[in-house]
């Protein structure tokens, strides 16, 4: 195990503890939150094992985890657990849900590049995301 993976486990453990001790929600919602937090682990490790930056992966886990901790219905948790994808509204690519995480979208788009040729709109979206996530420049996007 790469020692950097420990950070992923630590973040998951912290989110799980927060879900366990959530106040003001039913036992059913608490259990759904805990189960969803645990589902983040293989997702994060998959990105890590494919060589993506740890700080980006941790950002995704934390954001998704915070959405989970704020969820009060099964439908919200279902929507949160979906990948952060966009759709074309005849002008631009826009997030599909209010639980959209741009860092996750960027990693998904990077995966898509290796499987298909992207159109100009998708490539522009990737550059937009890079500029937002790495304002210091693309040179610093690698560890």
N, C-alpha and C. Protein backbone atom coordinates (compact mmCIF):
# COMPACT_ATOMS: atom_id res chain seq x y z
N UNK A 1 0.85 -1.19 0.00
CA UNK A 1 0.00 0.00 0.00
C UNK A 1 0.88 1.24 0.00
N UNK A 2 0.57 2.18 -0.84
CA UNK A 2 1.25 3.46 -0.90
C UNK A 2 0.84 4.25 0.34
N UNK A 3 1.81 4.83 1.04
CA UNK A 3 1.50 5.55 2.27
C UNK A 3 0.52 6.70 2.04
N UNK A 4 0.48 7.22 0.80
CA UNK A 4 -0.44 8.32 0.51
C UNK A 4 -1.90 7.86 0.54
N UNK A 5 -2.12 6.55 0.32
CA UNK A 5 -3.48 6.01 0.38
C UNK A 5 -4.09 6.18 1.77
N UNK A 6 -3.25 6.25 2.77
CA UNK A 6 -3.74 6.39 4.14
C UNK A 6 -4.60 7.63 4.28
N UNK A 7 -4.24 8.69 3.57
CA UNK A 7 -5.03 9.92 3.63
C UNK A 7 -6.47 9.68 3.15
N UNK A 8 -6.62 8.85 2.13
CA UNK A 8 -7.95 8.53 1.63
C UNK A 8 -8.75 7.83 2.72
N UNK A 9 -8.14 6.85 3.37
CA UNK A 9 -8.81 6.12 4.45
C UNK A 9 -9.15 7.05 5.62
N UNK A 10 -8.26 7.99 5.93
CA UNK A 10 -8.52 8.93 7.02
C UNK A 10 -9.73 9.80 6.74
N UNK A 11 -9.82 10.30 5.52
CA UNK A 11 -10.96 11.15 5.16
C UNK A 11 -12.26 10.34 5.21
N UNK A 12 -12.22 9.12 4.69
CA UNK A 12 -13.41 8.26 4.72
C UNK A 12 -13.81 7.97 6.17
N UNK A 13 -12.82 7.67 7.02
CA UNK A 13 -13.10 7.39 8.44
C UNK A 13 -13.72 8.60 9.12
N UNK A 14 -13.23 9.78 8.82
CA UNK A 14 -13.77 11.00 9.41
C UNK A 14 -15.22 11.22 8.97
N UNK A 15 -15.48 11.05 7.68
CA UNK A 15 -16.85 11.21 7.17
C UNK A 15 -17.79 10.16 7.77
N UNK A 16 -17.30 8.94 7.90
CA UNK A 16 -18.11 7.85 8.47
C UNK A 16 -18.48 8.18 9.92
N UNK A 17 -17.51 8.67 10.67
CA UNK A 17 -17.76 9.04 12.07
C UNK A 17 -18.80 10.15 12.15
N UNK A 18 -18.68 11.14 11.29
CA UNK A 18 -19.67 12.22 11.27
C UNK A 18 -21.06 11.70 10.91
N UNK A 19 -21.11 10.75 9.98
CA UNK A 19 -22.40 10.17 9.60
C UNK A 19 -22.98 9.36 10.77
N UNK A 20 -22.14 8.63 11.46
CA UNK A 20 -22.57 7.80 12.60
C UNK A 20 -23.18 8.66 13.71
N UNK A 21 -22.59 9.80 13.95
CA UNK A 21 -23.03 10.63 15.06
C UNK A 21 -23.85 11.83 14.62
N UNK A 22 -24.48 11.72 13.45
CA UNK A 22 -25.37 12.76 12.97
C UNK A 22 -26.53 12.91 13.94
N UNK A 23 -26.85 14.13 14.26
CA UNK A 23 -27.98 14.39 15.15
C UNK A 23 -29.15 14.95 14.36
N UNK A 24 -30.33 14.67 14.83
CA UNK A 24 -31.52 15.22 14.22
C UNK A 24 -31.99 14.51 12.96
N UNK A 25 -31.45 13.30 12.71
CA UNK A 25 -31.91 12.53 11.57
C UNK A 25 -32.27 11.12 12.04
N UNK A 26 -33.10 10.47 11.26
CA UNK A 26 -33.53 9.13 11.63
C UNK A 26 -32.38 8.13 11.50
N UNK A 27 -32.55 6.99 12.13
CA UNK A 27 -31.57 5.92 12.05
C UNK A 27 -31.40 5.48 10.60
N UNK A 28 -32.50 5.43 9.85
CA UNK A 28 -32.46 5.01 8.45
C UNK A 28 -31.58 5.94 7.63
N UNK A 29 -31.73 7.24 7.81
CA UNK A 29 -30.92 8.22 7.07
C UNK A 29 -29.45 8.10 7.50
N UNK A 30 -29.21 7.92 8.78
CA UNK A 30 -27.83 7.75 9.27
C UNK A 30 -27.17 6.55 8.62
N UNK A 31 -27.92 5.44 8.53
CA UNK A 31 -27.38 4.23 7.91
C UNK A 31 -27.12 4.44 6.42
N UNK A 32 -28.02 5.13 5.73
CA UNK A 32 -27.82 5.42 4.31
C UNK A 32 -26.59 6.30 4.11
N UNK A 33 -26.40 7.27 4.98
CA UNK A 33 -25.22 8.14 4.89
C UNK A 33 -23.94 7.32 5.08
N UNK A 34 -23.92 6.46 6.09
CA UNK A 34 -22.72 5.65 6.35
C UNK A 34 -22.41 4.74 5.18
N UNK A 35 -23.43 4.09 4.65
CA UNK A 35 -23.24 3.19 3.51
C UNK A 35 -22.70 3.96 2.30
N UNK A 36 -23.22 5.15 2.08
CA UNK A 36 -22.77 5.96 0.94
C UNK A 36 -21.33 6.43 1.12
N UNK A 37 -20.97 6.81 2.33
CA UNK A 37 -19.59 7.21 2.60
C UNK A 37 -18.65 6.06 2.29
N UNK A 38 -19.02 4.85 2.70
CA UNK A 38 -18.17 3.69 2.43
C UNK A 38 -18.04 3.42 0.94
N UNK A 39 -19.07 3.74 0.17
CA UNK A 39 -19.01 3.54 -1.28
C UNK A 39 -18.02 4.50 -1.95
N UNK A 40 -17.64 5.55 -1.26
CA UNK A 40 -16.67 6.49 -1.82
C UNK A 40 -15.26 5.89 -1.86
N UNK A 41 -14.98 4.94 -0.97
CA UNK A 41 -13.63 4.38 -0.87
C UNK A 41 -13.16 3.71 -2.17
N UNK A 42 -13.89 2.73 -2.72
CA UNK A 42 -13.40 2.12 -3.96
C UNK A 42 -13.33 3.12 -5.12
N UNK A 43 -14.24 4.07 -5.12
CA UNK A 43 -14.24 5.12 -6.14
C UNK A 43 -12.93 5.92 -6.06
N UNK A 44 -12.56 6.33 -4.86
CA UNK A 44 -11.34 7.11 -4.66
C UNK A 44 -10.09 6.29 -4.96
N UNK A 45 -10.08 5.04 -4.49
CA UNK A 45 -8.90 4.19 -4.73
C UNK A 45 -8.73 3.90 -6.22
N UNK A 46 -9.82 3.80 -6.94
CA UNK A 46 -9.75 3.58 -8.38
C UNK A 46 -9.05 4.76 -9.06
N UNK A 47 -9.44 5.97 -8.72
CA UNK A 47 -8.78 7.15 -9.26
C UNK A 47 -7.30 7.17 -8.86
N UNK A 48 -7.03 6.85 -7.60
CA UNK A 48 -5.66 6.87 -7.09
C UNK A 48 -4.79 5.86 -7.84
N UNK A 49 -5.31 4.66 -8.03
CA UNK A 49 -4.54 3.61 -8.70
C UNK A 49 -4.31 3.91 -10.19
N UNK A 50 -5.10 4.81 -10.76
CA UNK A 50 -4.89 5.21 -12.15
C UNK A 50 -3.96 6.41 -12.26
N UNK A 51 -3.43 6.85 -11.13
CA UNK A 51 -2.39 7.87 -11.13
C UNK A 51 -2.85 9.31 -11.02
N UNK A 52 -4.10 9.55 -10.67
CA UNK A 52 -4.56 10.93 -10.52
C UNK A 52 -4.04 11.52 -9.22
N UNK A 53 -3.95 12.83 -9.19
CA UNK A 53 -3.39 13.55 -8.03
C UNK A 53 -4.22 13.29 -6.78
N UNK A 54 -3.50 13.04 -5.69
CA UNK A 54 -4.15 12.76 -4.41
C UNK A 54 -4.98 13.95 -3.93
N UNK A 55 -4.47 15.17 -4.08
CA UNK A 55 -5.22 16.33 -3.58
C UNK A 55 -6.56 16.49 -4.30
N UNK A 56 -6.60 16.15 -5.59
CA UNK A 56 -7.86 16.23 -6.34
C UNK A 56 -8.82 15.15 -5.85
N UNK A 57 -8.30 13.96 -5.63
CA UNK A 57 -9.13 12.84 -5.15
C UNK A 57 -9.70 13.18 -3.77
N UNK A 58 -8.88 13.71 -2.89
CA UNK A 58 -9.35 14.08 -1.55
C UNK A 58 -10.40 15.18 -1.61
N UNK A 59 -10.23 16.11 -2.53
CA UNK A 59 -11.23 17.17 -2.71
C UNK A 59 -12.57 16.56 -3.12
N UNK A 60 -12.53 15.62 -4.05
CA UNK A 60 -13.76 14.96 -4.51
C UNK A 60 -14.43 14.24 -3.34
N UNK A 61 -13.65 13.48 -2.58
CA UNK A 61 -14.22 12.73 -1.45
C UNK A 61 -14.83 13.68 -0.42
N UNK A 62 -14.11 14.73 -0.10
CA UNK A 62 -14.62 15.67 0.92
C UNK A 62 -15.90 16.35 0.45
N UNK A 63 -15.92 16.81 -0.79
CA UNK A 63 -17.12 17.48 -1.30
C UNK A 63 -18.30 16.52 -1.36
N UNK A 64 -18.08 15.34 -1.92
CA UNK A 64 -19.16 14.35 -2.02
C UNK A 64 -19.61 13.94 -0.62
N UNK A 65 -18.64 13.76 0.28
CA UNK A 65 -18.95 13.39 1.66
C UNK A 65 -19.78 14.46 2.36
N UNK A 66 -19.45 15.72 2.16
CA UNK A 66 -20.23 16.80 2.77
C UNK A 66 -21.65 16.85 2.20
N UNK A 67 -21.78 16.59 0.91
CA UNK A 67 -23.13 16.50 0.34
C UNK A 67 -23.91 15.36 1.01
N UNK A 68 -23.25 14.22 1.18
CA UNK A 68 -23.89 13.05 1.82
C UNK A 68 -24.33 13.40 3.23
N UNK A 69 -23.46 14.06 3.98
CA UNK A 69 -23.78 14.40 5.37
C UNK A 69 -24.93 15.39 5.48
N UNK A 70 -25.18 16.12 4.41
CA UNK A 70 -26.30 17.06 4.41
C UNK A 70 -27.59 16.49 3.83
N UNK A 71 -27.51 15.29 3.28
CA UNK A 71 -28.68 14.68 2.64
C UNK A 71 -29.69 14.22 3.68
N UNK A 72 -30.95 14.40 3.34
CA UNK A 72 -32.01 13.98 4.26
C UNK A 72 -33.00 13.00 3.62
N UNK A 73 -32.78 12.69 2.35
CA UNK A 73 -33.65 11.72 1.68
C UNK A 73 -32.81 10.73 0.87
N UNK A 74 -33.42 9.59 0.59
CA UNK A 74 -32.76 8.57 -0.23
C UNK A 74 -32.49 9.11 -1.63
N UNK A 75 -33.41 9.88 -2.19
CA UNK A 75 -33.23 10.45 -3.53
C UNK A 75 -32.03 11.38 -3.57
N UNK A 76 -31.86 12.20 -2.54
CA UNK A 76 -30.69 13.09 -2.51
C UNK A 76 -29.40 12.27 -2.52
N UNK A 77 -29.34 11.24 -1.71
CA UNK A 77 -28.14 10.41 -1.65
C UNK A 77 -27.90 9.72 -2.99
N UNK A 78 -28.96 9.25 -3.63
CA UNK A 78 -28.84 8.64 -4.95
C UNK A 78 -28.25 9.63 -5.95
N UNK A 79 -28.74 10.86 -5.94
CA UNK A 79 -28.24 11.89 -6.85
C UNK A 79 -26.78 12.25 -6.55
N UNK A 80 -26.43 12.31 -5.29
CA UNK A 80 -25.07 12.64 -4.88
C UNK A 80 -24.08 11.59 -5.35
N UNK A 81 -24.48 10.34 -5.30
CA UNK A 81 -23.57 9.24 -5.63
C UNK A 81 -23.35 9.09 -7.14
N UNK A 82 -24.16 9.74 -7.93
CA UNK A 82 -23.97 9.68 -9.38
C UNK A 82 -22.71 10.45 -9.77
N UNK A 83 -22.06 10.03 -10.86
CA UNK A 83 -20.88 10.76 -11.32
C UNK A 83 -21.25 12.19 -11.71
N UNK A 84 -20.31 13.10 -11.57
CA UNK A 84 -20.53 14.51 -11.92
C UNK A 84 -20.41 14.67 -13.43
N UNK A 85 -21.55 14.63 -14.08
CA UNK A 85 -21.60 14.75 -15.54
C UNK A 85 -22.29 16.04 -15.94
N UNK A 86 -22.13 16.39 -17.20
CA UNK A 86 -22.77 17.59 -17.73
C UNK A 86 -23.69 17.22 -18.89
N UNK A 87 -24.51 18.16 -19.29
CA UNK A 87 -25.31 17.99 -20.49
C UNK A 87 -25.22 19.28 -21.31
N UNK A 88 -25.51 19.16 -22.57
CA UNK A 88 -25.44 20.30 -23.48
C UNK A 88 -26.79 20.99 -23.53
N UNK A 89 -26.84 22.27 -23.21
CA UNK A 89 -28.09 23.02 -23.22
C UNK A 89 -28.24 23.90 -24.48
N UNK A 90 -27.56 23.49 -25.55
CA UNK A 90 -27.55 24.18 -26.84
C UNK A 90 -26.69 25.44 -26.84
N UNK A 91 -25.98 25.67 -25.73
CA UNK A 91 -25.03 26.77 -25.66
C UNK A 91 -23.71 26.32 -25.04
N UNK A 92 -23.82 25.51 -23.99
CA UNK A 92 -22.63 25.09 -23.25
C UNK A 92 -22.93 23.80 -22.48
N UNK A 93 -21.87 23.21 -21.92
CA UNK A 93 -22.04 22.05 -21.05
C UNK A 93 -22.31 22.54 -19.64
N UNK A 94 -23.39 22.06 -19.05
CA UNK A 94 -23.77 22.50 -17.70
C UNK A 94 -23.98 21.27 -16.81
N UNK A 95 -23.76 21.43 -15.50
CA UNK A 95 -23.92 20.30 -14.57
C UNK A 95 -25.34 19.74 -14.58
N UNK A 96 -25.44 18.41 -14.42
CA UNK A 96 -26.74 17.74 -14.40
C UNK A 96 -27.46 17.87 -13.06
N UNK A 97 -26.70 17.98 -11.97
CA UNK A 97 -27.32 18.02 -10.64
C UNK A 97 -26.71 19.14 -9.81
N UNK A 98 -27.38 19.52 -8.73
CA UNK A 98 -26.79 20.52 -7.83
C UNK A 98 -25.62 19.96 -7.01
N UNK A 99 -25.39 18.66 -7.12
CA UNK A 99 -24.31 18.01 -6.37
C UNK A 99 -23.07 17.81 -7.24
N UNK A 100 -22.96 18.59 -8.27
CA UNK A 100 -21.88 18.48 -9.23
C UNK A 100 -20.54 18.88 -8.59
N UNK A 101 -19.50 18.09 -8.87
CA UNK A 101 -18.15 18.37 -8.38
C UNK A 101 -17.24 18.49 -9.59
N UNK A 102 -16.73 19.68 -9.81
CA UNK A 102 -15.94 19.94 -11.02
C UNK A 102 -14.68 19.08 -11.08
N UNK A 103 -14.06 18.82 -9.95
CA UNK A 103 -12.85 17.99 -9.94
C UNK A 103 -13.16 16.57 -10.43
N UNK A 104 -14.31 16.05 -10.03
CA UNK A 104 -14.71 14.73 -10.49
C UNK A 104 -15.01 14.77 -11.99
N UNK A 105 -15.68 15.80 -12.44
CA UNK A 105 -15.96 15.94 -13.87
C UNK A 105 -14.66 15.95 -14.67
N UNK A 106 -13.66 16.67 -14.17
CA UNK A 106 -12.38 16.74 -14.88
C UNK A 106 -11.75 15.35 -15.01
N UNK A 107 -11.75 14.58 -13.92
CA UNK A 107 -11.17 13.24 -14.00
C UNK A 107 -11.95 12.35 -14.96
N UNK A 108 -13.26 12.48 -14.96
CA UNK A 108 -14.09 11.69 -15.88
C UNK A 108 -13.79 12.10 -17.33
N UNK A 109 -13.64 13.39 -17.57
CA UNK A 109 -13.32 13.86 -18.92
C UNK A 109 -11.94 13.37 -19.34
N UNK A 110 -11.00 13.32 -18.40
CA UNK A 110 -9.66 12.83 -18.72
C UNK A 110 -9.72 11.35 -19.08
N UNK A 111 -10.58 10.61 -18.43
CA UNK A 111 -10.78 9.20 -18.78
C UNK A 111 -11.36 9.09 -20.19
N UNK A 112 -12.31 9.95 -20.51
CA UNK A 112 -12.97 9.91 -21.82
C UNK A 112 -11.99 10.15 -22.95
N UNK A 113 -11.01 11.00 -22.72
CA UNK A 113 -10.02 11.31 -23.75
C UNK A 113 -9.32 10.04 -24.22
N UNK A 114 -9.07 9.12 -23.31
CA UNK A 114 -8.33 7.92 -23.70
C UNK A 114 -9.19 6.90 -24.45
N UNK A 115 -10.50 7.11 -24.49
CA UNK A 115 -11.39 6.16 -25.16
C UNK A 115 -12.05 6.69 -26.42
N UNK A 116 -12.10 8.01 -26.57
CA UNK A 116 -12.78 8.55 -27.74
C UNK A 116 -12.23 9.93 -28.07
N UNK A 117 -12.53 10.38 -29.25
CA UNK A 117 -12.14 11.72 -29.66
C UNK A 117 -13.21 12.68 -29.18
N UNK A 118 -12.80 13.70 -28.45
CA UNK A 118 -13.75 14.66 -27.93
C UNK A 118 -13.95 15.80 -28.92
N UNK A 119 -15.14 16.37 -28.91
CA UNK A 119 -15.41 17.50 -29.79
C UNK A 119 -14.85 18.79 -29.16
N UNK A 120 -14.93 19.86 -29.89
CA UNK A 120 -14.37 21.14 -29.44
C UNK A 120 -15.02 21.62 -28.15
N UNK A 121 -16.31 21.41 -28.01
CA UNK A 121 -17.02 21.82 -26.81
C UNK A 121 -16.46 21.11 -25.57
N UNK A 122 -16.24 19.80 -25.66
CA UNK A 122 -15.71 19.04 -24.54
C UNK A 122 -14.28 19.44 -24.22
N UNK A 123 -13.48 19.67 -25.26
CA UNK A 123 -12.10 20.10 -25.04
C UNK A 123 -12.05 21.46 -24.36
N UNK A 124 -12.91 22.37 -24.79
CA UNK A 124 -12.98 23.69 -24.14
C UNK A 124 -13.41 23.56 -22.68
N UNK A 125 -14.32 22.62 -22.41
CA UNK A 125 -14.75 22.40 -21.03
C UNK A 125 -13.58 21.90 -20.18
N UNK A 126 -12.78 21.00 -20.73
CA UNK A 126 -11.61 20.50 -20.00
C UNK A 126 -10.66 21.66 -19.67
N UNK A 127 -10.39 22.52 -20.63
CA UNK A 127 -9.50 23.65 -20.37
C UNK A 127 -10.09 24.61 -19.35
N UNK A 128 -11.40 24.82 -19.40
CA UNK A 128 -12.06 25.67 -18.41
C UNK A 128 -11.90 25.07 -17.01
N UNK A 129 -12.12 23.76 -16.89
CA UNK A 129 -11.96 23.10 -15.60
C UNK A 129 -10.52 23.17 -15.11
N UNK A 130 -9.57 22.94 -16.00
CA UNK A 130 -8.15 23.03 -15.63
C UNK A 130 -7.82 24.41 -15.09
N UNK A 131 -8.29 25.44 -15.76
CA UNK A 131 -7.99 26.81 -15.30
C UNK A 131 -8.61 27.09 -13.94
N UNK A 132 -9.79 26.54 -13.68
CA UNK A 132 -10.43 26.75 -12.37
C UNK A 132 -9.73 25.96 -11.27
N UNK A 133 -9.39 24.72 -11.56
CA UNK A 133 -8.82 23.83 -10.55
C UNK A 133 -7.33 24.10 -10.35
N UNK A 134 -6.64 24.48 -11.40
CA UNK A 134 -5.20 24.77 -11.34
C UNK A 134 -4.95 26.20 -11.81
N UNK A 135 -5.36 27.21 -11.04
CA UNK A 135 -5.18 28.59 -11.50
C UNK A 135 -3.72 28.99 -11.67
N UNK A 136 -2.82 28.24 -11.02
CA UNK A 136 -1.39 28.56 -11.15
C UNK A 136 -0.80 28.07 -12.46
N UNK A 137 -1.56 27.33 -13.24
CA UNK A 137 -1.12 26.89 -14.55
C UNK A 137 -1.06 25.38 -14.68
N UNK A 138 -1.07 24.92 -15.92
CA UNK A 138 -1.06 23.49 -16.18
C UNK A 138 0.23 22.81 -15.73
N UNK A 139 1.33 23.56 -15.71
CA UNK A 139 2.59 22.98 -15.30
C UNK A 139 2.48 22.36 -13.89
N UNK A 140 1.69 22.99 -13.03
CA UNK A 140 1.57 22.56 -11.65
C UNK A 140 0.49 21.48 -11.46
N UNK A 141 -0.09 21.02 -12.54
CA UNK A 141 -1.16 20.03 -12.45
C UNK A 141 -0.64 18.63 -12.19
N UNK A 142 0.67 18.44 -12.20
CA UNK A 142 1.24 17.13 -11.93
C UNK A 142 1.99 17.17 -10.61
N UNK A 143 2.08 16.01 -9.96
CA UNK A 143 2.81 15.96 -8.69
C UNK A 143 4.26 15.69 -8.94
